[in-house]
Amino acid sequence: MKNCFLVFTVLVFLSCNNNNKEKDKITAATPAIPVSNDTAAKASPIADAATILAKRQVPVLCFHHISDKPMGEYGLSPALFAADLQAMADSGYQTILPDQLYNYLAKGAPIPEKSFMLTYDDTDEEQFSIAGPEMAKHHFKGVYFIMTISIGRPRYMSKEQIKQLADDGNVIAAHTWDHHMVTKYNDSDWNKQLTESKLKLETITGKPVDYFAYPFGLWNQAAFQPLQQRGIKMAFQLSTKMDTTQPLYTVRRMIVPGTWSTSGFMKAMKSTFHL
């Protein structure tokens, strides 16, 4: 009886030992799961200001009114807008969105050689009804900086239109509640102008709002911390130099007026962004 028990014990030991060896073989043969590029980009450190400022600039175009009616220097006709976009497409330009620009500037991620961004300010309805279909002809996407006080008013976009833009792959971003200048804000202004308007846009689209455009393009260094505290990753101004300490919060844009011909627009864009 003792001999039988001894034999059984030895067999069990040998079986367990063999199973462990097989597990070791399987483990050794199984390749490690690679980290995705997105995961790696999120984990990588943010570049310092000097590195960001030294990068090749990406043209960021800013549009307001697109109408045949006189709209001042911030307006251009639908025909001229169409011609400008056609020229960009014919020249081989491709639109990128803020996440791509952020990852290019802050993380060194690659972007197409001829990248540019289309941005729209102030919630004008023609940005949906005219700019949207025109962009679709070229498979372009855009960034819509929304002033939330105007949503649903005559001549401005509705909640449904803003949601449609987001669903179609465009980016909805913040442009304050009522276009009040950031340089005049106090703490309560930040809550009204950004915290509340950001939440409203996120409720409409179901997507995070990570980007911001300064009204009138005016900014000061005091704005950087409140923007960071409210989850803004990158902020856009107009034509002044980028801040040497926080370039991600002073990304440059160029307004495209209706007084330029298409060839004049292309020349100005290349000069402005040193292309």
C-alpha atoms as a PDB file:
ATOM      1  CA  MET A   1       0.000   0.000   0.000  1.00  0.00           C
ATOM      2  CA  LYS A   2       2.824   2.380   0.856  1.00  0.00           C
ATOM      3  CA  ASN A   3       4.525   1.567  -2.453  1.00  0.00           C
ATOM      4  CA  CYS A   4       1.322   2.386  -4.374  1.00  0.00           C
ATOM      5  CA  PHE A   5       1.008   5.715  -2.596  1.00  0.00           C
ATOM      6  CA  LEU A   6       4.659   6.512  -3.350  1.00  0.00           C
ATOM      7  CA  VAL A   7       4.216   5.731  -7.034  1.00  0.00           C
ATOM      8  CA  PHE A   8       1.060   7.944  -7.195  1.00  0.00           C
ATOM      9  CA  THR A   9       2.919  10.859  -5.549  1.00  0.00           C
ATOM     10  CA  VAL A  10       5.790  10.618  -8.017  1.00  0.00           C
ATOM     11  CA  LEU A  11       3.389  10.573 -10.987  1.00  0.00           C
ATOM     12  CA  VAL A  12       1.559  13.672  -9.730  1.00  0.00           C
ATOM     13  CA  PHE A  13       4.840  15.523  -9.223  1.00  0.00           C
ATOM     14  CA  LEU A  14       6.062  14.660 -12.727  1.00  0.00           C
ATOM     15  CA  SER A  15       2.745  15.715 -14.263  1.00  0.00           C
ATOM     16  CA  CYS A  16       2.749  19.115 -12.479  1.00  0.00           C
ATOM     17  CA  ASN A  17       6.373  19.692 -13.401  1.00  0.00           C
ATOM     18  CA  ASN A  18       5.667  18.965 -17.065  1.00  0.00           C
ATOM     19  CA  ASN A  19       2.638  21.301 -17.037  1.00  0.00           C
ATOM     20  CA  ASN A  20       4.747  24.112 -15.597  1.00  0.00           C
ATOM     21  CA  LYS A  21       7.357  23.572 -18.314  1.00  0.00           C
ATOM     22  CA  GLU A  22       4.642  23.740 -20.975  1.00  0.00           C
ATOM     23  CA  LYS A  23       3.326  26.982 -19.479  1.00  0.00           C
ATOM     24  CA  ASP A  24       6.846  28.410 -19.545  1.00  0.00           C
ATOM     25  CA  LYS A  25       7.166  27.448 -23.233  1.00  0.00           C
ATOM     26  CA  ILE A  26       3.826  29.065 -24.077  1.00  0.00           C
ATOM     27  CA  THR A  27       4.727  32.220 -22.166  1.00  0.00           C
ATOM     28  CA  ALA A  28       8.097  32.445 -23.883  1.00  0.00           C
ATOM     29  CA  ALA A  29       6.500  31.907 -27.303  1.00  0.00           C
ATOM     30  CA  THR A  30       3.777  34.513 -26.799  1.00  0.00           C
ATOM     31  CA  PRO A  31       4.887  37.936 -28.080  1.00  0.00           C
ATOM     32  CA  ALA A  32       4.401  40.996 -25.909  1.00  0.00           C
ATOM     33  CA  ILE A  33       1.384  43.100 -26.827  1.00  0.00           C
ATOM     34  CA  PRO A  34       2.724  46.264 -28.480  1.00  0.00           C
ATOM     35  CA  VAL A  35       1.764  49.678 -27.123  1.00  0.00           C
ATOM     36  CA  SER A  36      -0.377  51.568 -29.635  1.00  0.00           C
ATOM     37  CA  ASN A  37       0.896  54.818 -31.108  1.00  0.00           C
ATOM     38  CA  ASP A  38      -1.955  56.716 -29.428  1.00  0.00           C
ATOM     39  CA  THR A  39      -1.068  55.252 -26.030  1.00  0.00           C
ATOM     40  CA  ALA A  40       2.601  56.012 -26.571  1.00  0.00           C
ATOM     41  CA  ALA A  41       1.813  59.588 -27.613  1.00  0.00           C
ATOM     42  CA  LYS A  42      -0.281  60.167 -24.498  1.00  0.00           C
ATOM     43  CA  ALA A  43       2.488  58.784 -22.300  1.00  0.00           C
ATOM     44  CA  SER A  44       5.290  60.788 -23.915  1.00  0.00           C
ATOM     45  CA  PRO A  45       6.386  64.036 -22.255  1.00  0.00           C
ATOM     46  CA  ILE A  46       5.386  67.428 -23.621  1.00  0.00           C
ATOM     47  CA  ALA A  47       8.109  69.248 -25.530  1.00  0.00           C
ATOM     48  CA  ASP A  48       9.614  72.368 -24.027  1.00  0.00           C
ATOM     49  CA  ALA A  49       8.700  75.812 -25.337  1.00  0.00           C
ATOM     50  CA  ALA A  50      11.875  76.234 -27.386  1.00  0.00           C
ATOM     51  CA  THR A  51      11.283  72.939 -29.209  1.00  0.00           C
ATOM     52  CA  ILE A  52       7.681  73.867 -30.004  1.00  0.00           C
ATOM     53  CA  LEU A  53       8.642  77.336 -31.245  1.00  0.00           C
ATOM     54  CA  ALA A  54      11.334  75.860 -33.512  1.00  0.00           C
ATOM     55  CA  LYS A  55       8.888  73.599 -35.356  1.00  0.00           C
ATOM     56  CA  ARG A  56       7.709  74.257 -38.890  1.00  0.00           C
ATOM     57  CA  GLN A  57       4.534  76.334 -38.687  1.00  0.00           C
ATOM     58  CA  VAL A  58       1.169  74.965 -39.752  1.00  0.00           C
ATOM     59  CA  PRO A  59      -1.186  77.455 -41.448  1.00  0.00           C
ATOM     60  CA  VAL A  60      -4.280  78.002 -39.309  1.00  0.00           C
ATOM     61  CA  LEU A  61      -6.907  79.956 -41.246  1.00  0.00           C
ATOM     62  CA  CYS A  62      -9.700  81.898 -39.561  1.00  0.00           C
ATOM     63  CA  PHE A  63     -13.054  82.644 -41.208  1.00  0.00           C
ATOM     64  CA  HIS A  64     -16.085  84.552 -39.940  1.00  0.00           C
ATOM     65  CA  HIS A  65     -18.852  85.603 -42.337  1.00  0.00           C
ATOM     66  CA  ILE A  66     -19.366  83.819 -45.649  1.00  0.00           C
ATOM     67  CA  SER A  67     -22.046  85.788 -47.460  1.00  0.00           C
ATOM     68  CA  ASP A  68     -22.781  87.919 -50.510  1.00  0.00           C
ATOM     69  CA  LYS A  69     -24.066  90.608 -48.159  1.00  0.00           C
ATOM     70  CA  PRO A  70     -21.514  93.230 -47.033  1.00  0.00           C
ATOM     71  CA  MET A  71     -19.988  91.957 -43.809  1.00  0.00           C
ATOM     72  CA  GLY A  72     -16.956  94.198 -43.344  1.00  0.00           C
ATOM     73  CA  GLU A  73     -13.358  93.035 -43.412  1.00  0.00           C
ATOM     74  CA  TYR A  74     -14.221  89.753 -41.684  1.00  0.00           C
ATOM     75  CA  GLY A  75     -16.536  88.631 -44.483  1.00  0.00           C
ATOM     76  CA  LEU A  76     -16.022  87.055 -47.894  1.00  0.00           C
ATOM     77  CA  SER A  77     -18.356  85.836 -50.611  1.00  0.00           C
ATOM     78  CA  PRO A  78     -19.255  82.154 -51.004  1.00  0.00           C
ATOM     79  CA  ALA A  79     -17.618  82.186 -54.444  1.00  0.00           C
ATOM     80  CA  LEU A  80     -14.336  83.521 -53.085  1.00  0.00           C
ATOM     81  CA  PHE A  81     -14.446  81.083 -50.157  1.00  0.00           C
ATOM     82  CA  ALA A  82     -14.951  78.210 -52.620  1.00  0.00           C
ATOM     83  CA  ALA A  83     -12.061  79.447 -54.768  1.00  0.00           C
ATOM     84  CA  ASP A  84      -9.742  79.677 -51.748  1.00  0.00           C
ATOM     85  CA  LEU A  85     -10.536  76.106 -50.677  1.00  0.00           C
ATOM     86  CA  GLN A  86     -10.125  74.877 -54.250  1.00  0.00           C
ATOM     87  CA  ALA A  87      -6.680  76.485 -54.386  1.00  0.00           C
ATOM     88  CA  MET A  88      -5.667  74.749 -51.166  1.00  0.00           C
ATOM     89  CA  ALA A  89      -6.857  71.382 -52.505  1.00  0.00           C
ATOM     90  CA  ASP A  90      -5.150  71.909 -55.870  1.00  0.00           C
ATOM     91  CA  SER A  91      -1.899  72.707 -54.026  1.00  0.00           C
ATOM     92  CA  GLY A  92      -2.061  69.388 -52.160  1.00  0.00           C
ATOM     93  CA  TYR A  93      -3.031  70.722 -48.723  1.00  0.00           C
ATOM     94  CA  GLN A  94      -4.854  68.488 -46.244  1.00  0.00           C
ATOM     95  CA  THR A  95      -6.774  69.592 -43.192  1.00  0.00           C
ATOM     96  CA  ILE A  96      -5.743  68.461 -39.741  1.00  0.00           C
ATOM     97  CA  LEU A  97      -7.657  68.915 -36.480  1.00  0.00           C
ATOM     98  CA  PRO A  98      -6.507  70.295 -33.120  1.00  0.00           C
ATOM     99  CA  ASP A  99      -5.584  66.911 -31.630  1.00  0.00           C
ATOM    100  CA  GLN A 100      -3.209  66.334 -34.545  1.00  0.00           C
ATOM    101  CA  LEU A 101      -1.713  69.811 -34.250  1.00  0.00           C
ATOM    102  CA  TYR A 102      -1.302  69.385 -30.491  1.00  0.00           C
ATOM    103  CA  ASN A 103       0.420  66.011 -30.864  1.00  0.00           C
ATOM    104  CA  TYR A 104       2.679  67.452 -33.578  1.00  0.00           C
ATOM    105  CA  LEU A 105       3.726  70.445 -31.499  1.00  0.00           C
ATOM    106  CA  ALA A 106       3.831  68.885 -28.038  1.00  0.00           C
ATOM    107  CA  LYS A 107       4.702  65.240 -28.761  1.00  0.00           C
ATOM    108  CA  GLY A 108       6.508  65.276 -32.096  1.00  0.00           C
ATOM    109  CA  ALA A 109       3.848  63.188 -33.860  1.00  0.00           C
ATOM    110  CA  PRO A 110       3.969  63.250 -37.676  1.00  0.00           C
ATOM    111  CA  ILE A 111       1.486  65.181 -39.812  1.00  0.00           C
ATOM    112  CA  PRO A 112       1.136  65.501 -43.601  1.00  0.00           C
ATOM    113  CA  GLU A 113       3.751  67.778 -45.136  1.00  0.00           C
ATOM    114  CA  LYS A 114       1.090  70.167 -46.451  1.00  0.00           C
ATOM    115  CA  SER A 115      -1.133  70.357 -43.390  1.00  0.00           C
ATOM    116  CA  PHE A 116      -3.412  73.256 -42.537  1.00  0.00           C
ATOM    117  CA  MET A 117      -6.379  74.000 -40.285  1.00  0.00           C
ATOM    118  CA  LEU A 118      -9.714  75.572 -41.152  1.00  0.00           C
ATOM    119  CA  THR A 119     -11.266  77.449 -38.228  1.00  0.00           C
ATOM    120  CA  TYR A 120     -14.504  79.407 -37.898  1.00  0.00           C
ATOM    121  CA  ASP A 121     -15.446  81.931 -35.216  1.00  0.00           C
ATOM    122  CA  ASP A 122     -18.687  83.186 -33.685  1.00  0.00           C
ATOM    123  CA  THR A 123     -21.279  80.521 -34.639  1.00  0.00           C
ATOM    124  CA  ASP A 124     -22.527  82.103 -37.895  1.00  0.00           C
ATOM    125  CA  GLU A 125     -25.097  79.880 -39.632  1.00  0.00           C
ATOM    126  CA  GLU A 126     -23.436  80.093 -43.058  1.00  0.00           C
ATOM    127  CA  GLN A 127     -20.441  78.311 -41.571  1.00  0.00           C
ATOM    128  CA  PHE A 128     -22.738  75.271 -41.449  1.00  0.00           C
ATOM    129  CA  SER A 129     -24.829  75.755 -44.585  1.00  0.00           C
ATOM    130  CA  ILE A 130     -22.145  77.159 -46.925  1.00  0.00           C
ATOM    131  CA  ALA A 131     -18.740  76.226 -45.512  1.00  0.00           C
ATOM    132  CA  GLY A 132     -19.775  72.681 -44.561  1.00  0.00           C
ATOM    133  CA  PRO A 133     -20.767  71.488 -48.061  1.00  0.00           C
ATOM    134  CA  GLU A 134     -17.820  73.300 -49.636  1.00  0.00           C
ATOM    135  CA  MET A 135     -15.374  71.558 -47.304  1.00  0.00           C
ATOM    136  CA  ALA A 136     -16.999  68.194 -48.028  1.00  0.00           C
ATOM    137  CA  LYS A 137     -16.110  68.547 -51.730  1.00  0.00           C
ATOM    138  CA  HIS A 138     -12.442  68.304 -50.748  1.00  0.00           C
ATOM    139  CA  HIS A 139     -12.816  65.966 -47.747  1.00  0.00           C
ATOM    140  CA  PHE A 140     -11.768  68.839 -45.486  1.00  0.00           C
ATOM    141  CA  LYS A 141     -12.702  69.088 -41.806  1.00  0.00           C
ATOM    142  CA  GLY A 142     -12.852  72.219 -39.686  1.00  0.00           C
ATOM    143  CA  VAL A 143     -12.821  73.643 -36.168  1.00  0.00           C
ATOM    144  CA  TYR A 144     -15.821  75.682 -35.016  1.00  0.00           C
ATOM    145  CA  PHE A 145     -15.184  78.106 -32.162  1.00  0.00           C
ATOM    146  CA  ILE A 146     -18.647  78.626 -30.718  1.00  0.00           C
ATOM    147  CA  MET A 147     -19.902  81.715 -28.869  1.00  0.00           C
ATOM    148  CA  THR A 148     -22.639  80.062 -26.817  1.00  0.00           C
ATOM    149  CA  ILE A 149     -24.849  83.125 -26.219  1.00  0.00           C
ATOM    150  CA  SER A 150     -25.697  83.147 -29.934  1.00  0.00           C
ATOM    151  CA  ILE A 151     -26.767  79.498 -30.293  1.00  0.00           C
ATOM    152  CA  GLY A 152     -30.257  79.269 -31.773  1.00  0.00           C
ATOM    153  CA  ARG A 153     -30.602  82.984 -32.500  1.00  0.00           C
ATOM    154  CA  PRO A 154     -31.464  84.267 -35.990  1.00  0.00           C
ATOM    155  CA  ARG A 155     -28.466  84.092 -38.347  1.00  0.00           C
ATOM    156  CA  TYR A 156     -26.603  81.757 -35.975  1.00  0.00           C
ATOM    157  CA  MET A 157     -26.310  77.981 -35.731  1.00  0.00           C
ATOM    158  CA  SER A 158     -28.768  75.856 -33.784  1.00  0.00           C
ATOM    159  CA  LYS A 159     -27.881  73.117 -31.305  1.00  0.00           C
ATOM    160  CA  GLU A 160     -28.836  70.549 -33.923  1.00  0.00           C
ATOM    161  CA  GLN A 161     -26.456  72.039 -36.498  1.00  0.00           C
ATOM    162  CA  ILE A 162     -23.597  72.139 -34.007  1.00  0.00           C
ATOM    163  CA  LYS A 163     -24.265  68.505 -33.094  1.00  0.00           C
ATOM    164  CA  GLN A 164     -24.316  67.575 -36.793  1.00  0.00           C
ATOM    165  CA  LEU A 165     -20.940  69.227 -37.357  1.00  0.00           C
ATOM    166  CA  ALA A 166     -19.439  67.255 -34.474  1.00  0.00           C
ATOM    167  CA  ASP A 167     -21.030  64.001 -35.684  1.00  0.00           C
ATOM    168  CA  ASP A 168     -19.556  64.621 -39.149  1.00  0.00           C
ATOM    169  CA  GLY A 169     -16.016  64.673 -37.737  1.00  0.00           C
ATOM    170  CA  ASN A 170     -15.467  68.379 -37.240  1.00  0.00           C
ATOM    171  CA  VAL A 171     -14.297  69.804 -33.895  1.00  0.00           C
ATOM    172  CA  ILE A 172     -16.472  72.003 -31.702  1.00  0.00           C
ATOM    173  CA  ALA A 173     -14.396  74.306 -29.495  1.00  0.00           C
ATOM    174  CA  ALA A 174     -14.952  77.180 -27.070  1.00  0.00           C
ATOM    175  CA  HIS A 175     -15.075  80.889 -27.922  1.00  0.00           C
ATOM    176  CA  THR A 176     -16.590  82.194 -24.656  1.00  0.00           C
ATOM    177  CA  TRP A 177     -20.194  82.936 -23.784  1.00  0.00           C
ATOM    178  CA  ASP A 178     -20.547  86.450 -25.223  1.00  0.00           C
ATOM    179  CA  HIS A 179     -17.171  87.353 -26.787  1.00  0.00           C
ATOM    180  CA  HIS A 180     -16.012  89.251 -23.704  1.00  0.00           C
ATOM    181  CA  MET A 181     -12.266  90.039 -23.879  1.00  0.00           C
ATOM    182  CA  VAL A 182     -10.098  87.644 -21.866  1.00  0.00           C
ATOM    183  CA  THR A 183      -7.740  90.453 -20.900  1.00  0.00           C
ATOM    184  CA  LYS A 184     -10.526  91.923 -18.727  1.00  0.00           C
ATOM    185  CA  TYR A 185     -11.553  88.728 -16.891  1.00  0.00           C
ATOM    186  CA  ASN A 186     -11.770  88.123 -13.162  1.00  0.00           C
ATOM    187  CA  ASP A 187     -12.421  84.730 -11.542  1.00  0.00           C
ATOM    188  CA  SER A 188     -16.194  84.881 -11.953  1.00  0.00           C
ATOM    189  CA  ASP A 189     -15.769  85.818 -15.623  1.00  0.00           C
ATOM    190  CA  TRP A 190     -13.808  82.641 -16.255  1.00  0.00           C
ATOM    191  CA  ASN A 191     -16.628  80.555 -14.822  1.00  0.00           C
ATOM    192  CA  LYS A 192     -19.260  82.289 -16.938  1.00  0.00           C
ATOM    193  CA  GLN A 193     -17.266  82.673 -20.118  1.00  0.00           C
ATOM    194  CA  LEU A 194     -15.493  79.318 -20.221  1.00  0.00           C
ATOM    195  CA  THR A 195     -16.565  76.800 -17.571  1.00  0.00           C
ATOM    196  CA  GLU A 196     -20.274  77.160 -18.307  1.00  0.00           C
ATOM    197  CA  SER A 197     -19.984  77.573 -22.069  1.00  0.00           C
ATOM    198  CA  LYS A 198     -17.611  74.601 -22.304  1.00  0.00           C
ATOM    199  CA  LEU A 199     -20.092  72.425 -20.401  1.00  0.00           C
ATOM    200  CA  LYS A 200     -22.931  73.557 -22.666  1.00  0.00           C
ATOM    201  CA  LEU A 201     -21.020  72.573 -25.791  1.00  0.00           C
ATOM    202  CA  GLU A 202     -20.047  69.223 -24.311  1.00  0.00           C
ATOM    203  CA  THR A 203     -23.702  68.589 -23.476  1.00  0.00           C
ATOM    204  CA  ILE A 204     -24.739  69.403 -27.057  1.00  0.00           C
ATOM    205  CA  THR A 205     -22.093  67.296 -28.790  1.00  0.00           C
ATOM    206  CA  GLY A 206     -21.426  64.563 -26.251  1.00  0.00           C
ATOM    207  CA  LYS A 207     -17.697  65.166 -26.809  1.00  0.00           C
ATOM    208  CA  PRO A 208     -15.006  66.916 -24.744  1.00  0.00           C
ATOM    209  CA  VAL A 209     -14.126  70.523 -25.501  1.00  0.00           C
ATOM    210  CA  ASP A 210     -10.346  70.809 -25.233  1.00  0.00           C
ATOM    211  CA  TYR A 211      -9.596  73.901 -27.330  1.00  0.00           C
ATOM    212  CA  PHE A 212     -10.273  77.629 -27.088  1.00  0.00           C
ATOM    213  CA  ALA A 213      -9.997  80.775 -29.222  1.00  0.00           C
ATOM    214  CA  TYR A 214      -9.489  84.184 -27.633  1.00  0.00           C
ATOM    215  CA  PRO A 215     -12.158  86.767 -28.585  1.00  0.00           C
ATOM    216  CA  PHE A 216     -10.597  89.368 -30.911  1.00  0.00           C
ATOM    217  CA  GLY A 217      -7.415  87.270 -30.682  1.00  0.00           C
ATOM    218  CA  LEU A 218      -6.439  89.166 -27.519  1.00  0.00           C
ATOM    219  CA  TRP A 219      -4.658  87.297 -24.735  1.00  0.00           C
ATOM    220  CA  ASN A 220      -2.407  87.815 -21.733  1.00  0.00           C
ATOM    221  CA  GLN A 221      -0.241  85.495 -19.658  1.00  0.00           C
ATOM    222  CA  ALA A 222      -2.718  85.661 -16.778  1.00  0.00           C
ATOM    223  CA  ALA A 223      -5.082  83.578 -18.925  1.00  0.00           C
ATOM    224  CA  PHE A 224      -2.834  80.531 -19.157  1.00  0.00           C
ATOM    225  CA  GLN A 225      -3.476  79.070 -15.706  1.00  0.00           C
ATOM    226  CA  PRO A 226      -7.296  79.455 -15.807  1.00  0.00           C
ATOM    227  CA  LEU A 227      -7.294  77.775 -19.218  1.00  0.00           C
ATOM    228  CA  GLN A 228      -5.185  74.890 -17.950  1.00  0.00           C
ATOM    229  CA  GLN A 229      -7.359  74.502 -14.851  1.00  0.00           C
ATOM    230  CA  ARG A 230     -10.434  74.127 -17.074  1.00  0.00           C
ATOM    231  CA  GLY A 231      -8.923  71.384 -19.205  1.00  0.00           C
ATOM    232  CA  ILE A 232      -7.981  73.473 -22.248  1.00  0.00           C
ATOM    233  CA  LYS A 233      -5.005  71.839 -23.990  1.00  0.00           C
ATOM    234  CA  MET A 234      -4.331  74.539 -26.572  1.00  0.00           C
ATOM    235  CA  ALA A 235      -5.586  78.087 -27.229  1.00  0.00           C
ATOM    236  CA  PHE A 236      -5.630  80.123 -30.439  1.00  0.00           C
ATOM    237  CA  GLN A 237      -4.961  83.823 -30.923  1.00  0.00           C
ATOM    238  CA  LEU A 238      -4.566  85.764 -34.165  1.00  0.00           C
ATOM    239  CA  SER A 239      -1.450  87.346 -35.607  1.00  0.00           C
ATOM    240  CA  THR A 240       0.845  88.291 -32.714  1.00  0.00           C
ATOM    241  CA  LYS A 241       3.945  86.299 -31.827  1.00  0.00           C
ATOM    242  CA  MET A 242       3.539  83.122 -29.801  1.00  0.00           C
ATOM    243  CA  ASP A 243       4.395  83.419 -26.133  1.00  0.00           C
ATOM    244  CA  THR A 244       7.948  82.215 -25.472  1.00  0.00           C
ATOM    245  CA  THR A 245       6.960  80.360 -22.284  1.00  0.00           C
ATOM    246  CA  GLN A 246       3.550  78.921 -23.272  1.00  0.00           C
ATOM    247  CA  PRO A 247       3.369  78.649 -27.071  1.00  0.00           C
ATOM    248  CA  LEU A 248       0.584  76.042 -26.910  1.00  0.00           C
ATOM    249  CA  TYR A 249      -1.689  78.724 -25.441  1.00  0.00           C
ATOM    250  CA  THR A 250      -0.873  81.293 -28.128  1.00  0.00           C
ATOM    251  CA  VAL A 251      -1.116  79.350 -31.400  1.00  0.00           C
ATOM    252  CA  ARG A 252      -1.288  81.775 -34.321  1.00  0.00           C
ATOM    253  CA  ARG A 253      -4.118  82.088 -36.841  1.00  0.00           C
ATOM    254  CA  MET A 254      -4.615  84.236 -39.940  1.00  0.00           C
ATOM    255  CA  ILE A 255      -7.935  85.905 -40.745  1.00  0.00           C
ATOM    256  CA  VAL A 256      -8.873  85.519 -44.412  1.00  0.00           C
ATOM    257  CA  PRO A 257     -10.722  88.704 -45.534  1.00  0.00           C
ATOM    258  CA  GLY A 258     -12.865  89.206 -48.582  1.00  0.00           C
ATOM    259  CA  THR A 259     -10.550  91.913 -49.904  1.00  0.00           C
ATOM    260  CA  TRP A 260      -7.911  89.393 -51.003  1.00  0.00           C
ATOM    261  CA  SER A 261      -7.959  87.573 -54.316  1.00  0.00           C
ATOM    262  CA  THR A 262      -7.286  83.852 -54.110  1.00  0.00           C
ATOM    263  CA  SER A 263      -3.718  84.339 -55.334  1.00  0.00           C
ATOM    264  CA  GLY A 264      -3.265  87.126 -52.789  1.00  0.00           C
ATOM    265  CA  PHE A 265      -4.603  84.863 -50.043  1.00  0.00           C
ATOM    266  CA  MET A 266      -2.170  82.072 -50.957  1.00  0.00           C
ATOM    267  CA  LYS A 267       0.742  84.515 -50.999  1.00  0.00           C
ATOM    268  CA  ALA A 268      -0.236  85.995 -47.614  1.00  0.00           C
ATOM    269  CA  MET A 269      -0.603  82.542 -46.061  1.00  0.00           C
ATOM    270  CA  LYS A 270       2.867  81.462 -47.170  1.00  0.00           C
ATOM    271  CA  SER A 271       4.393  84.713 -45.919  1.00  0.00           C
ATOM    272  CA  THR A 272       2.555  84.658 -42.570  1.00  0.00           C
ATOM    273  CA  PHE A 273       3.512  81.078 -41.704  1.00  0.00           C
ATOM    274  CA  HIS A 274       6.984  81.159 -43.327  1.00  0.00           C
ATOM    275  CA  LEU A 275       6.253  78.401 -45.828  1.00  0.00           C
END
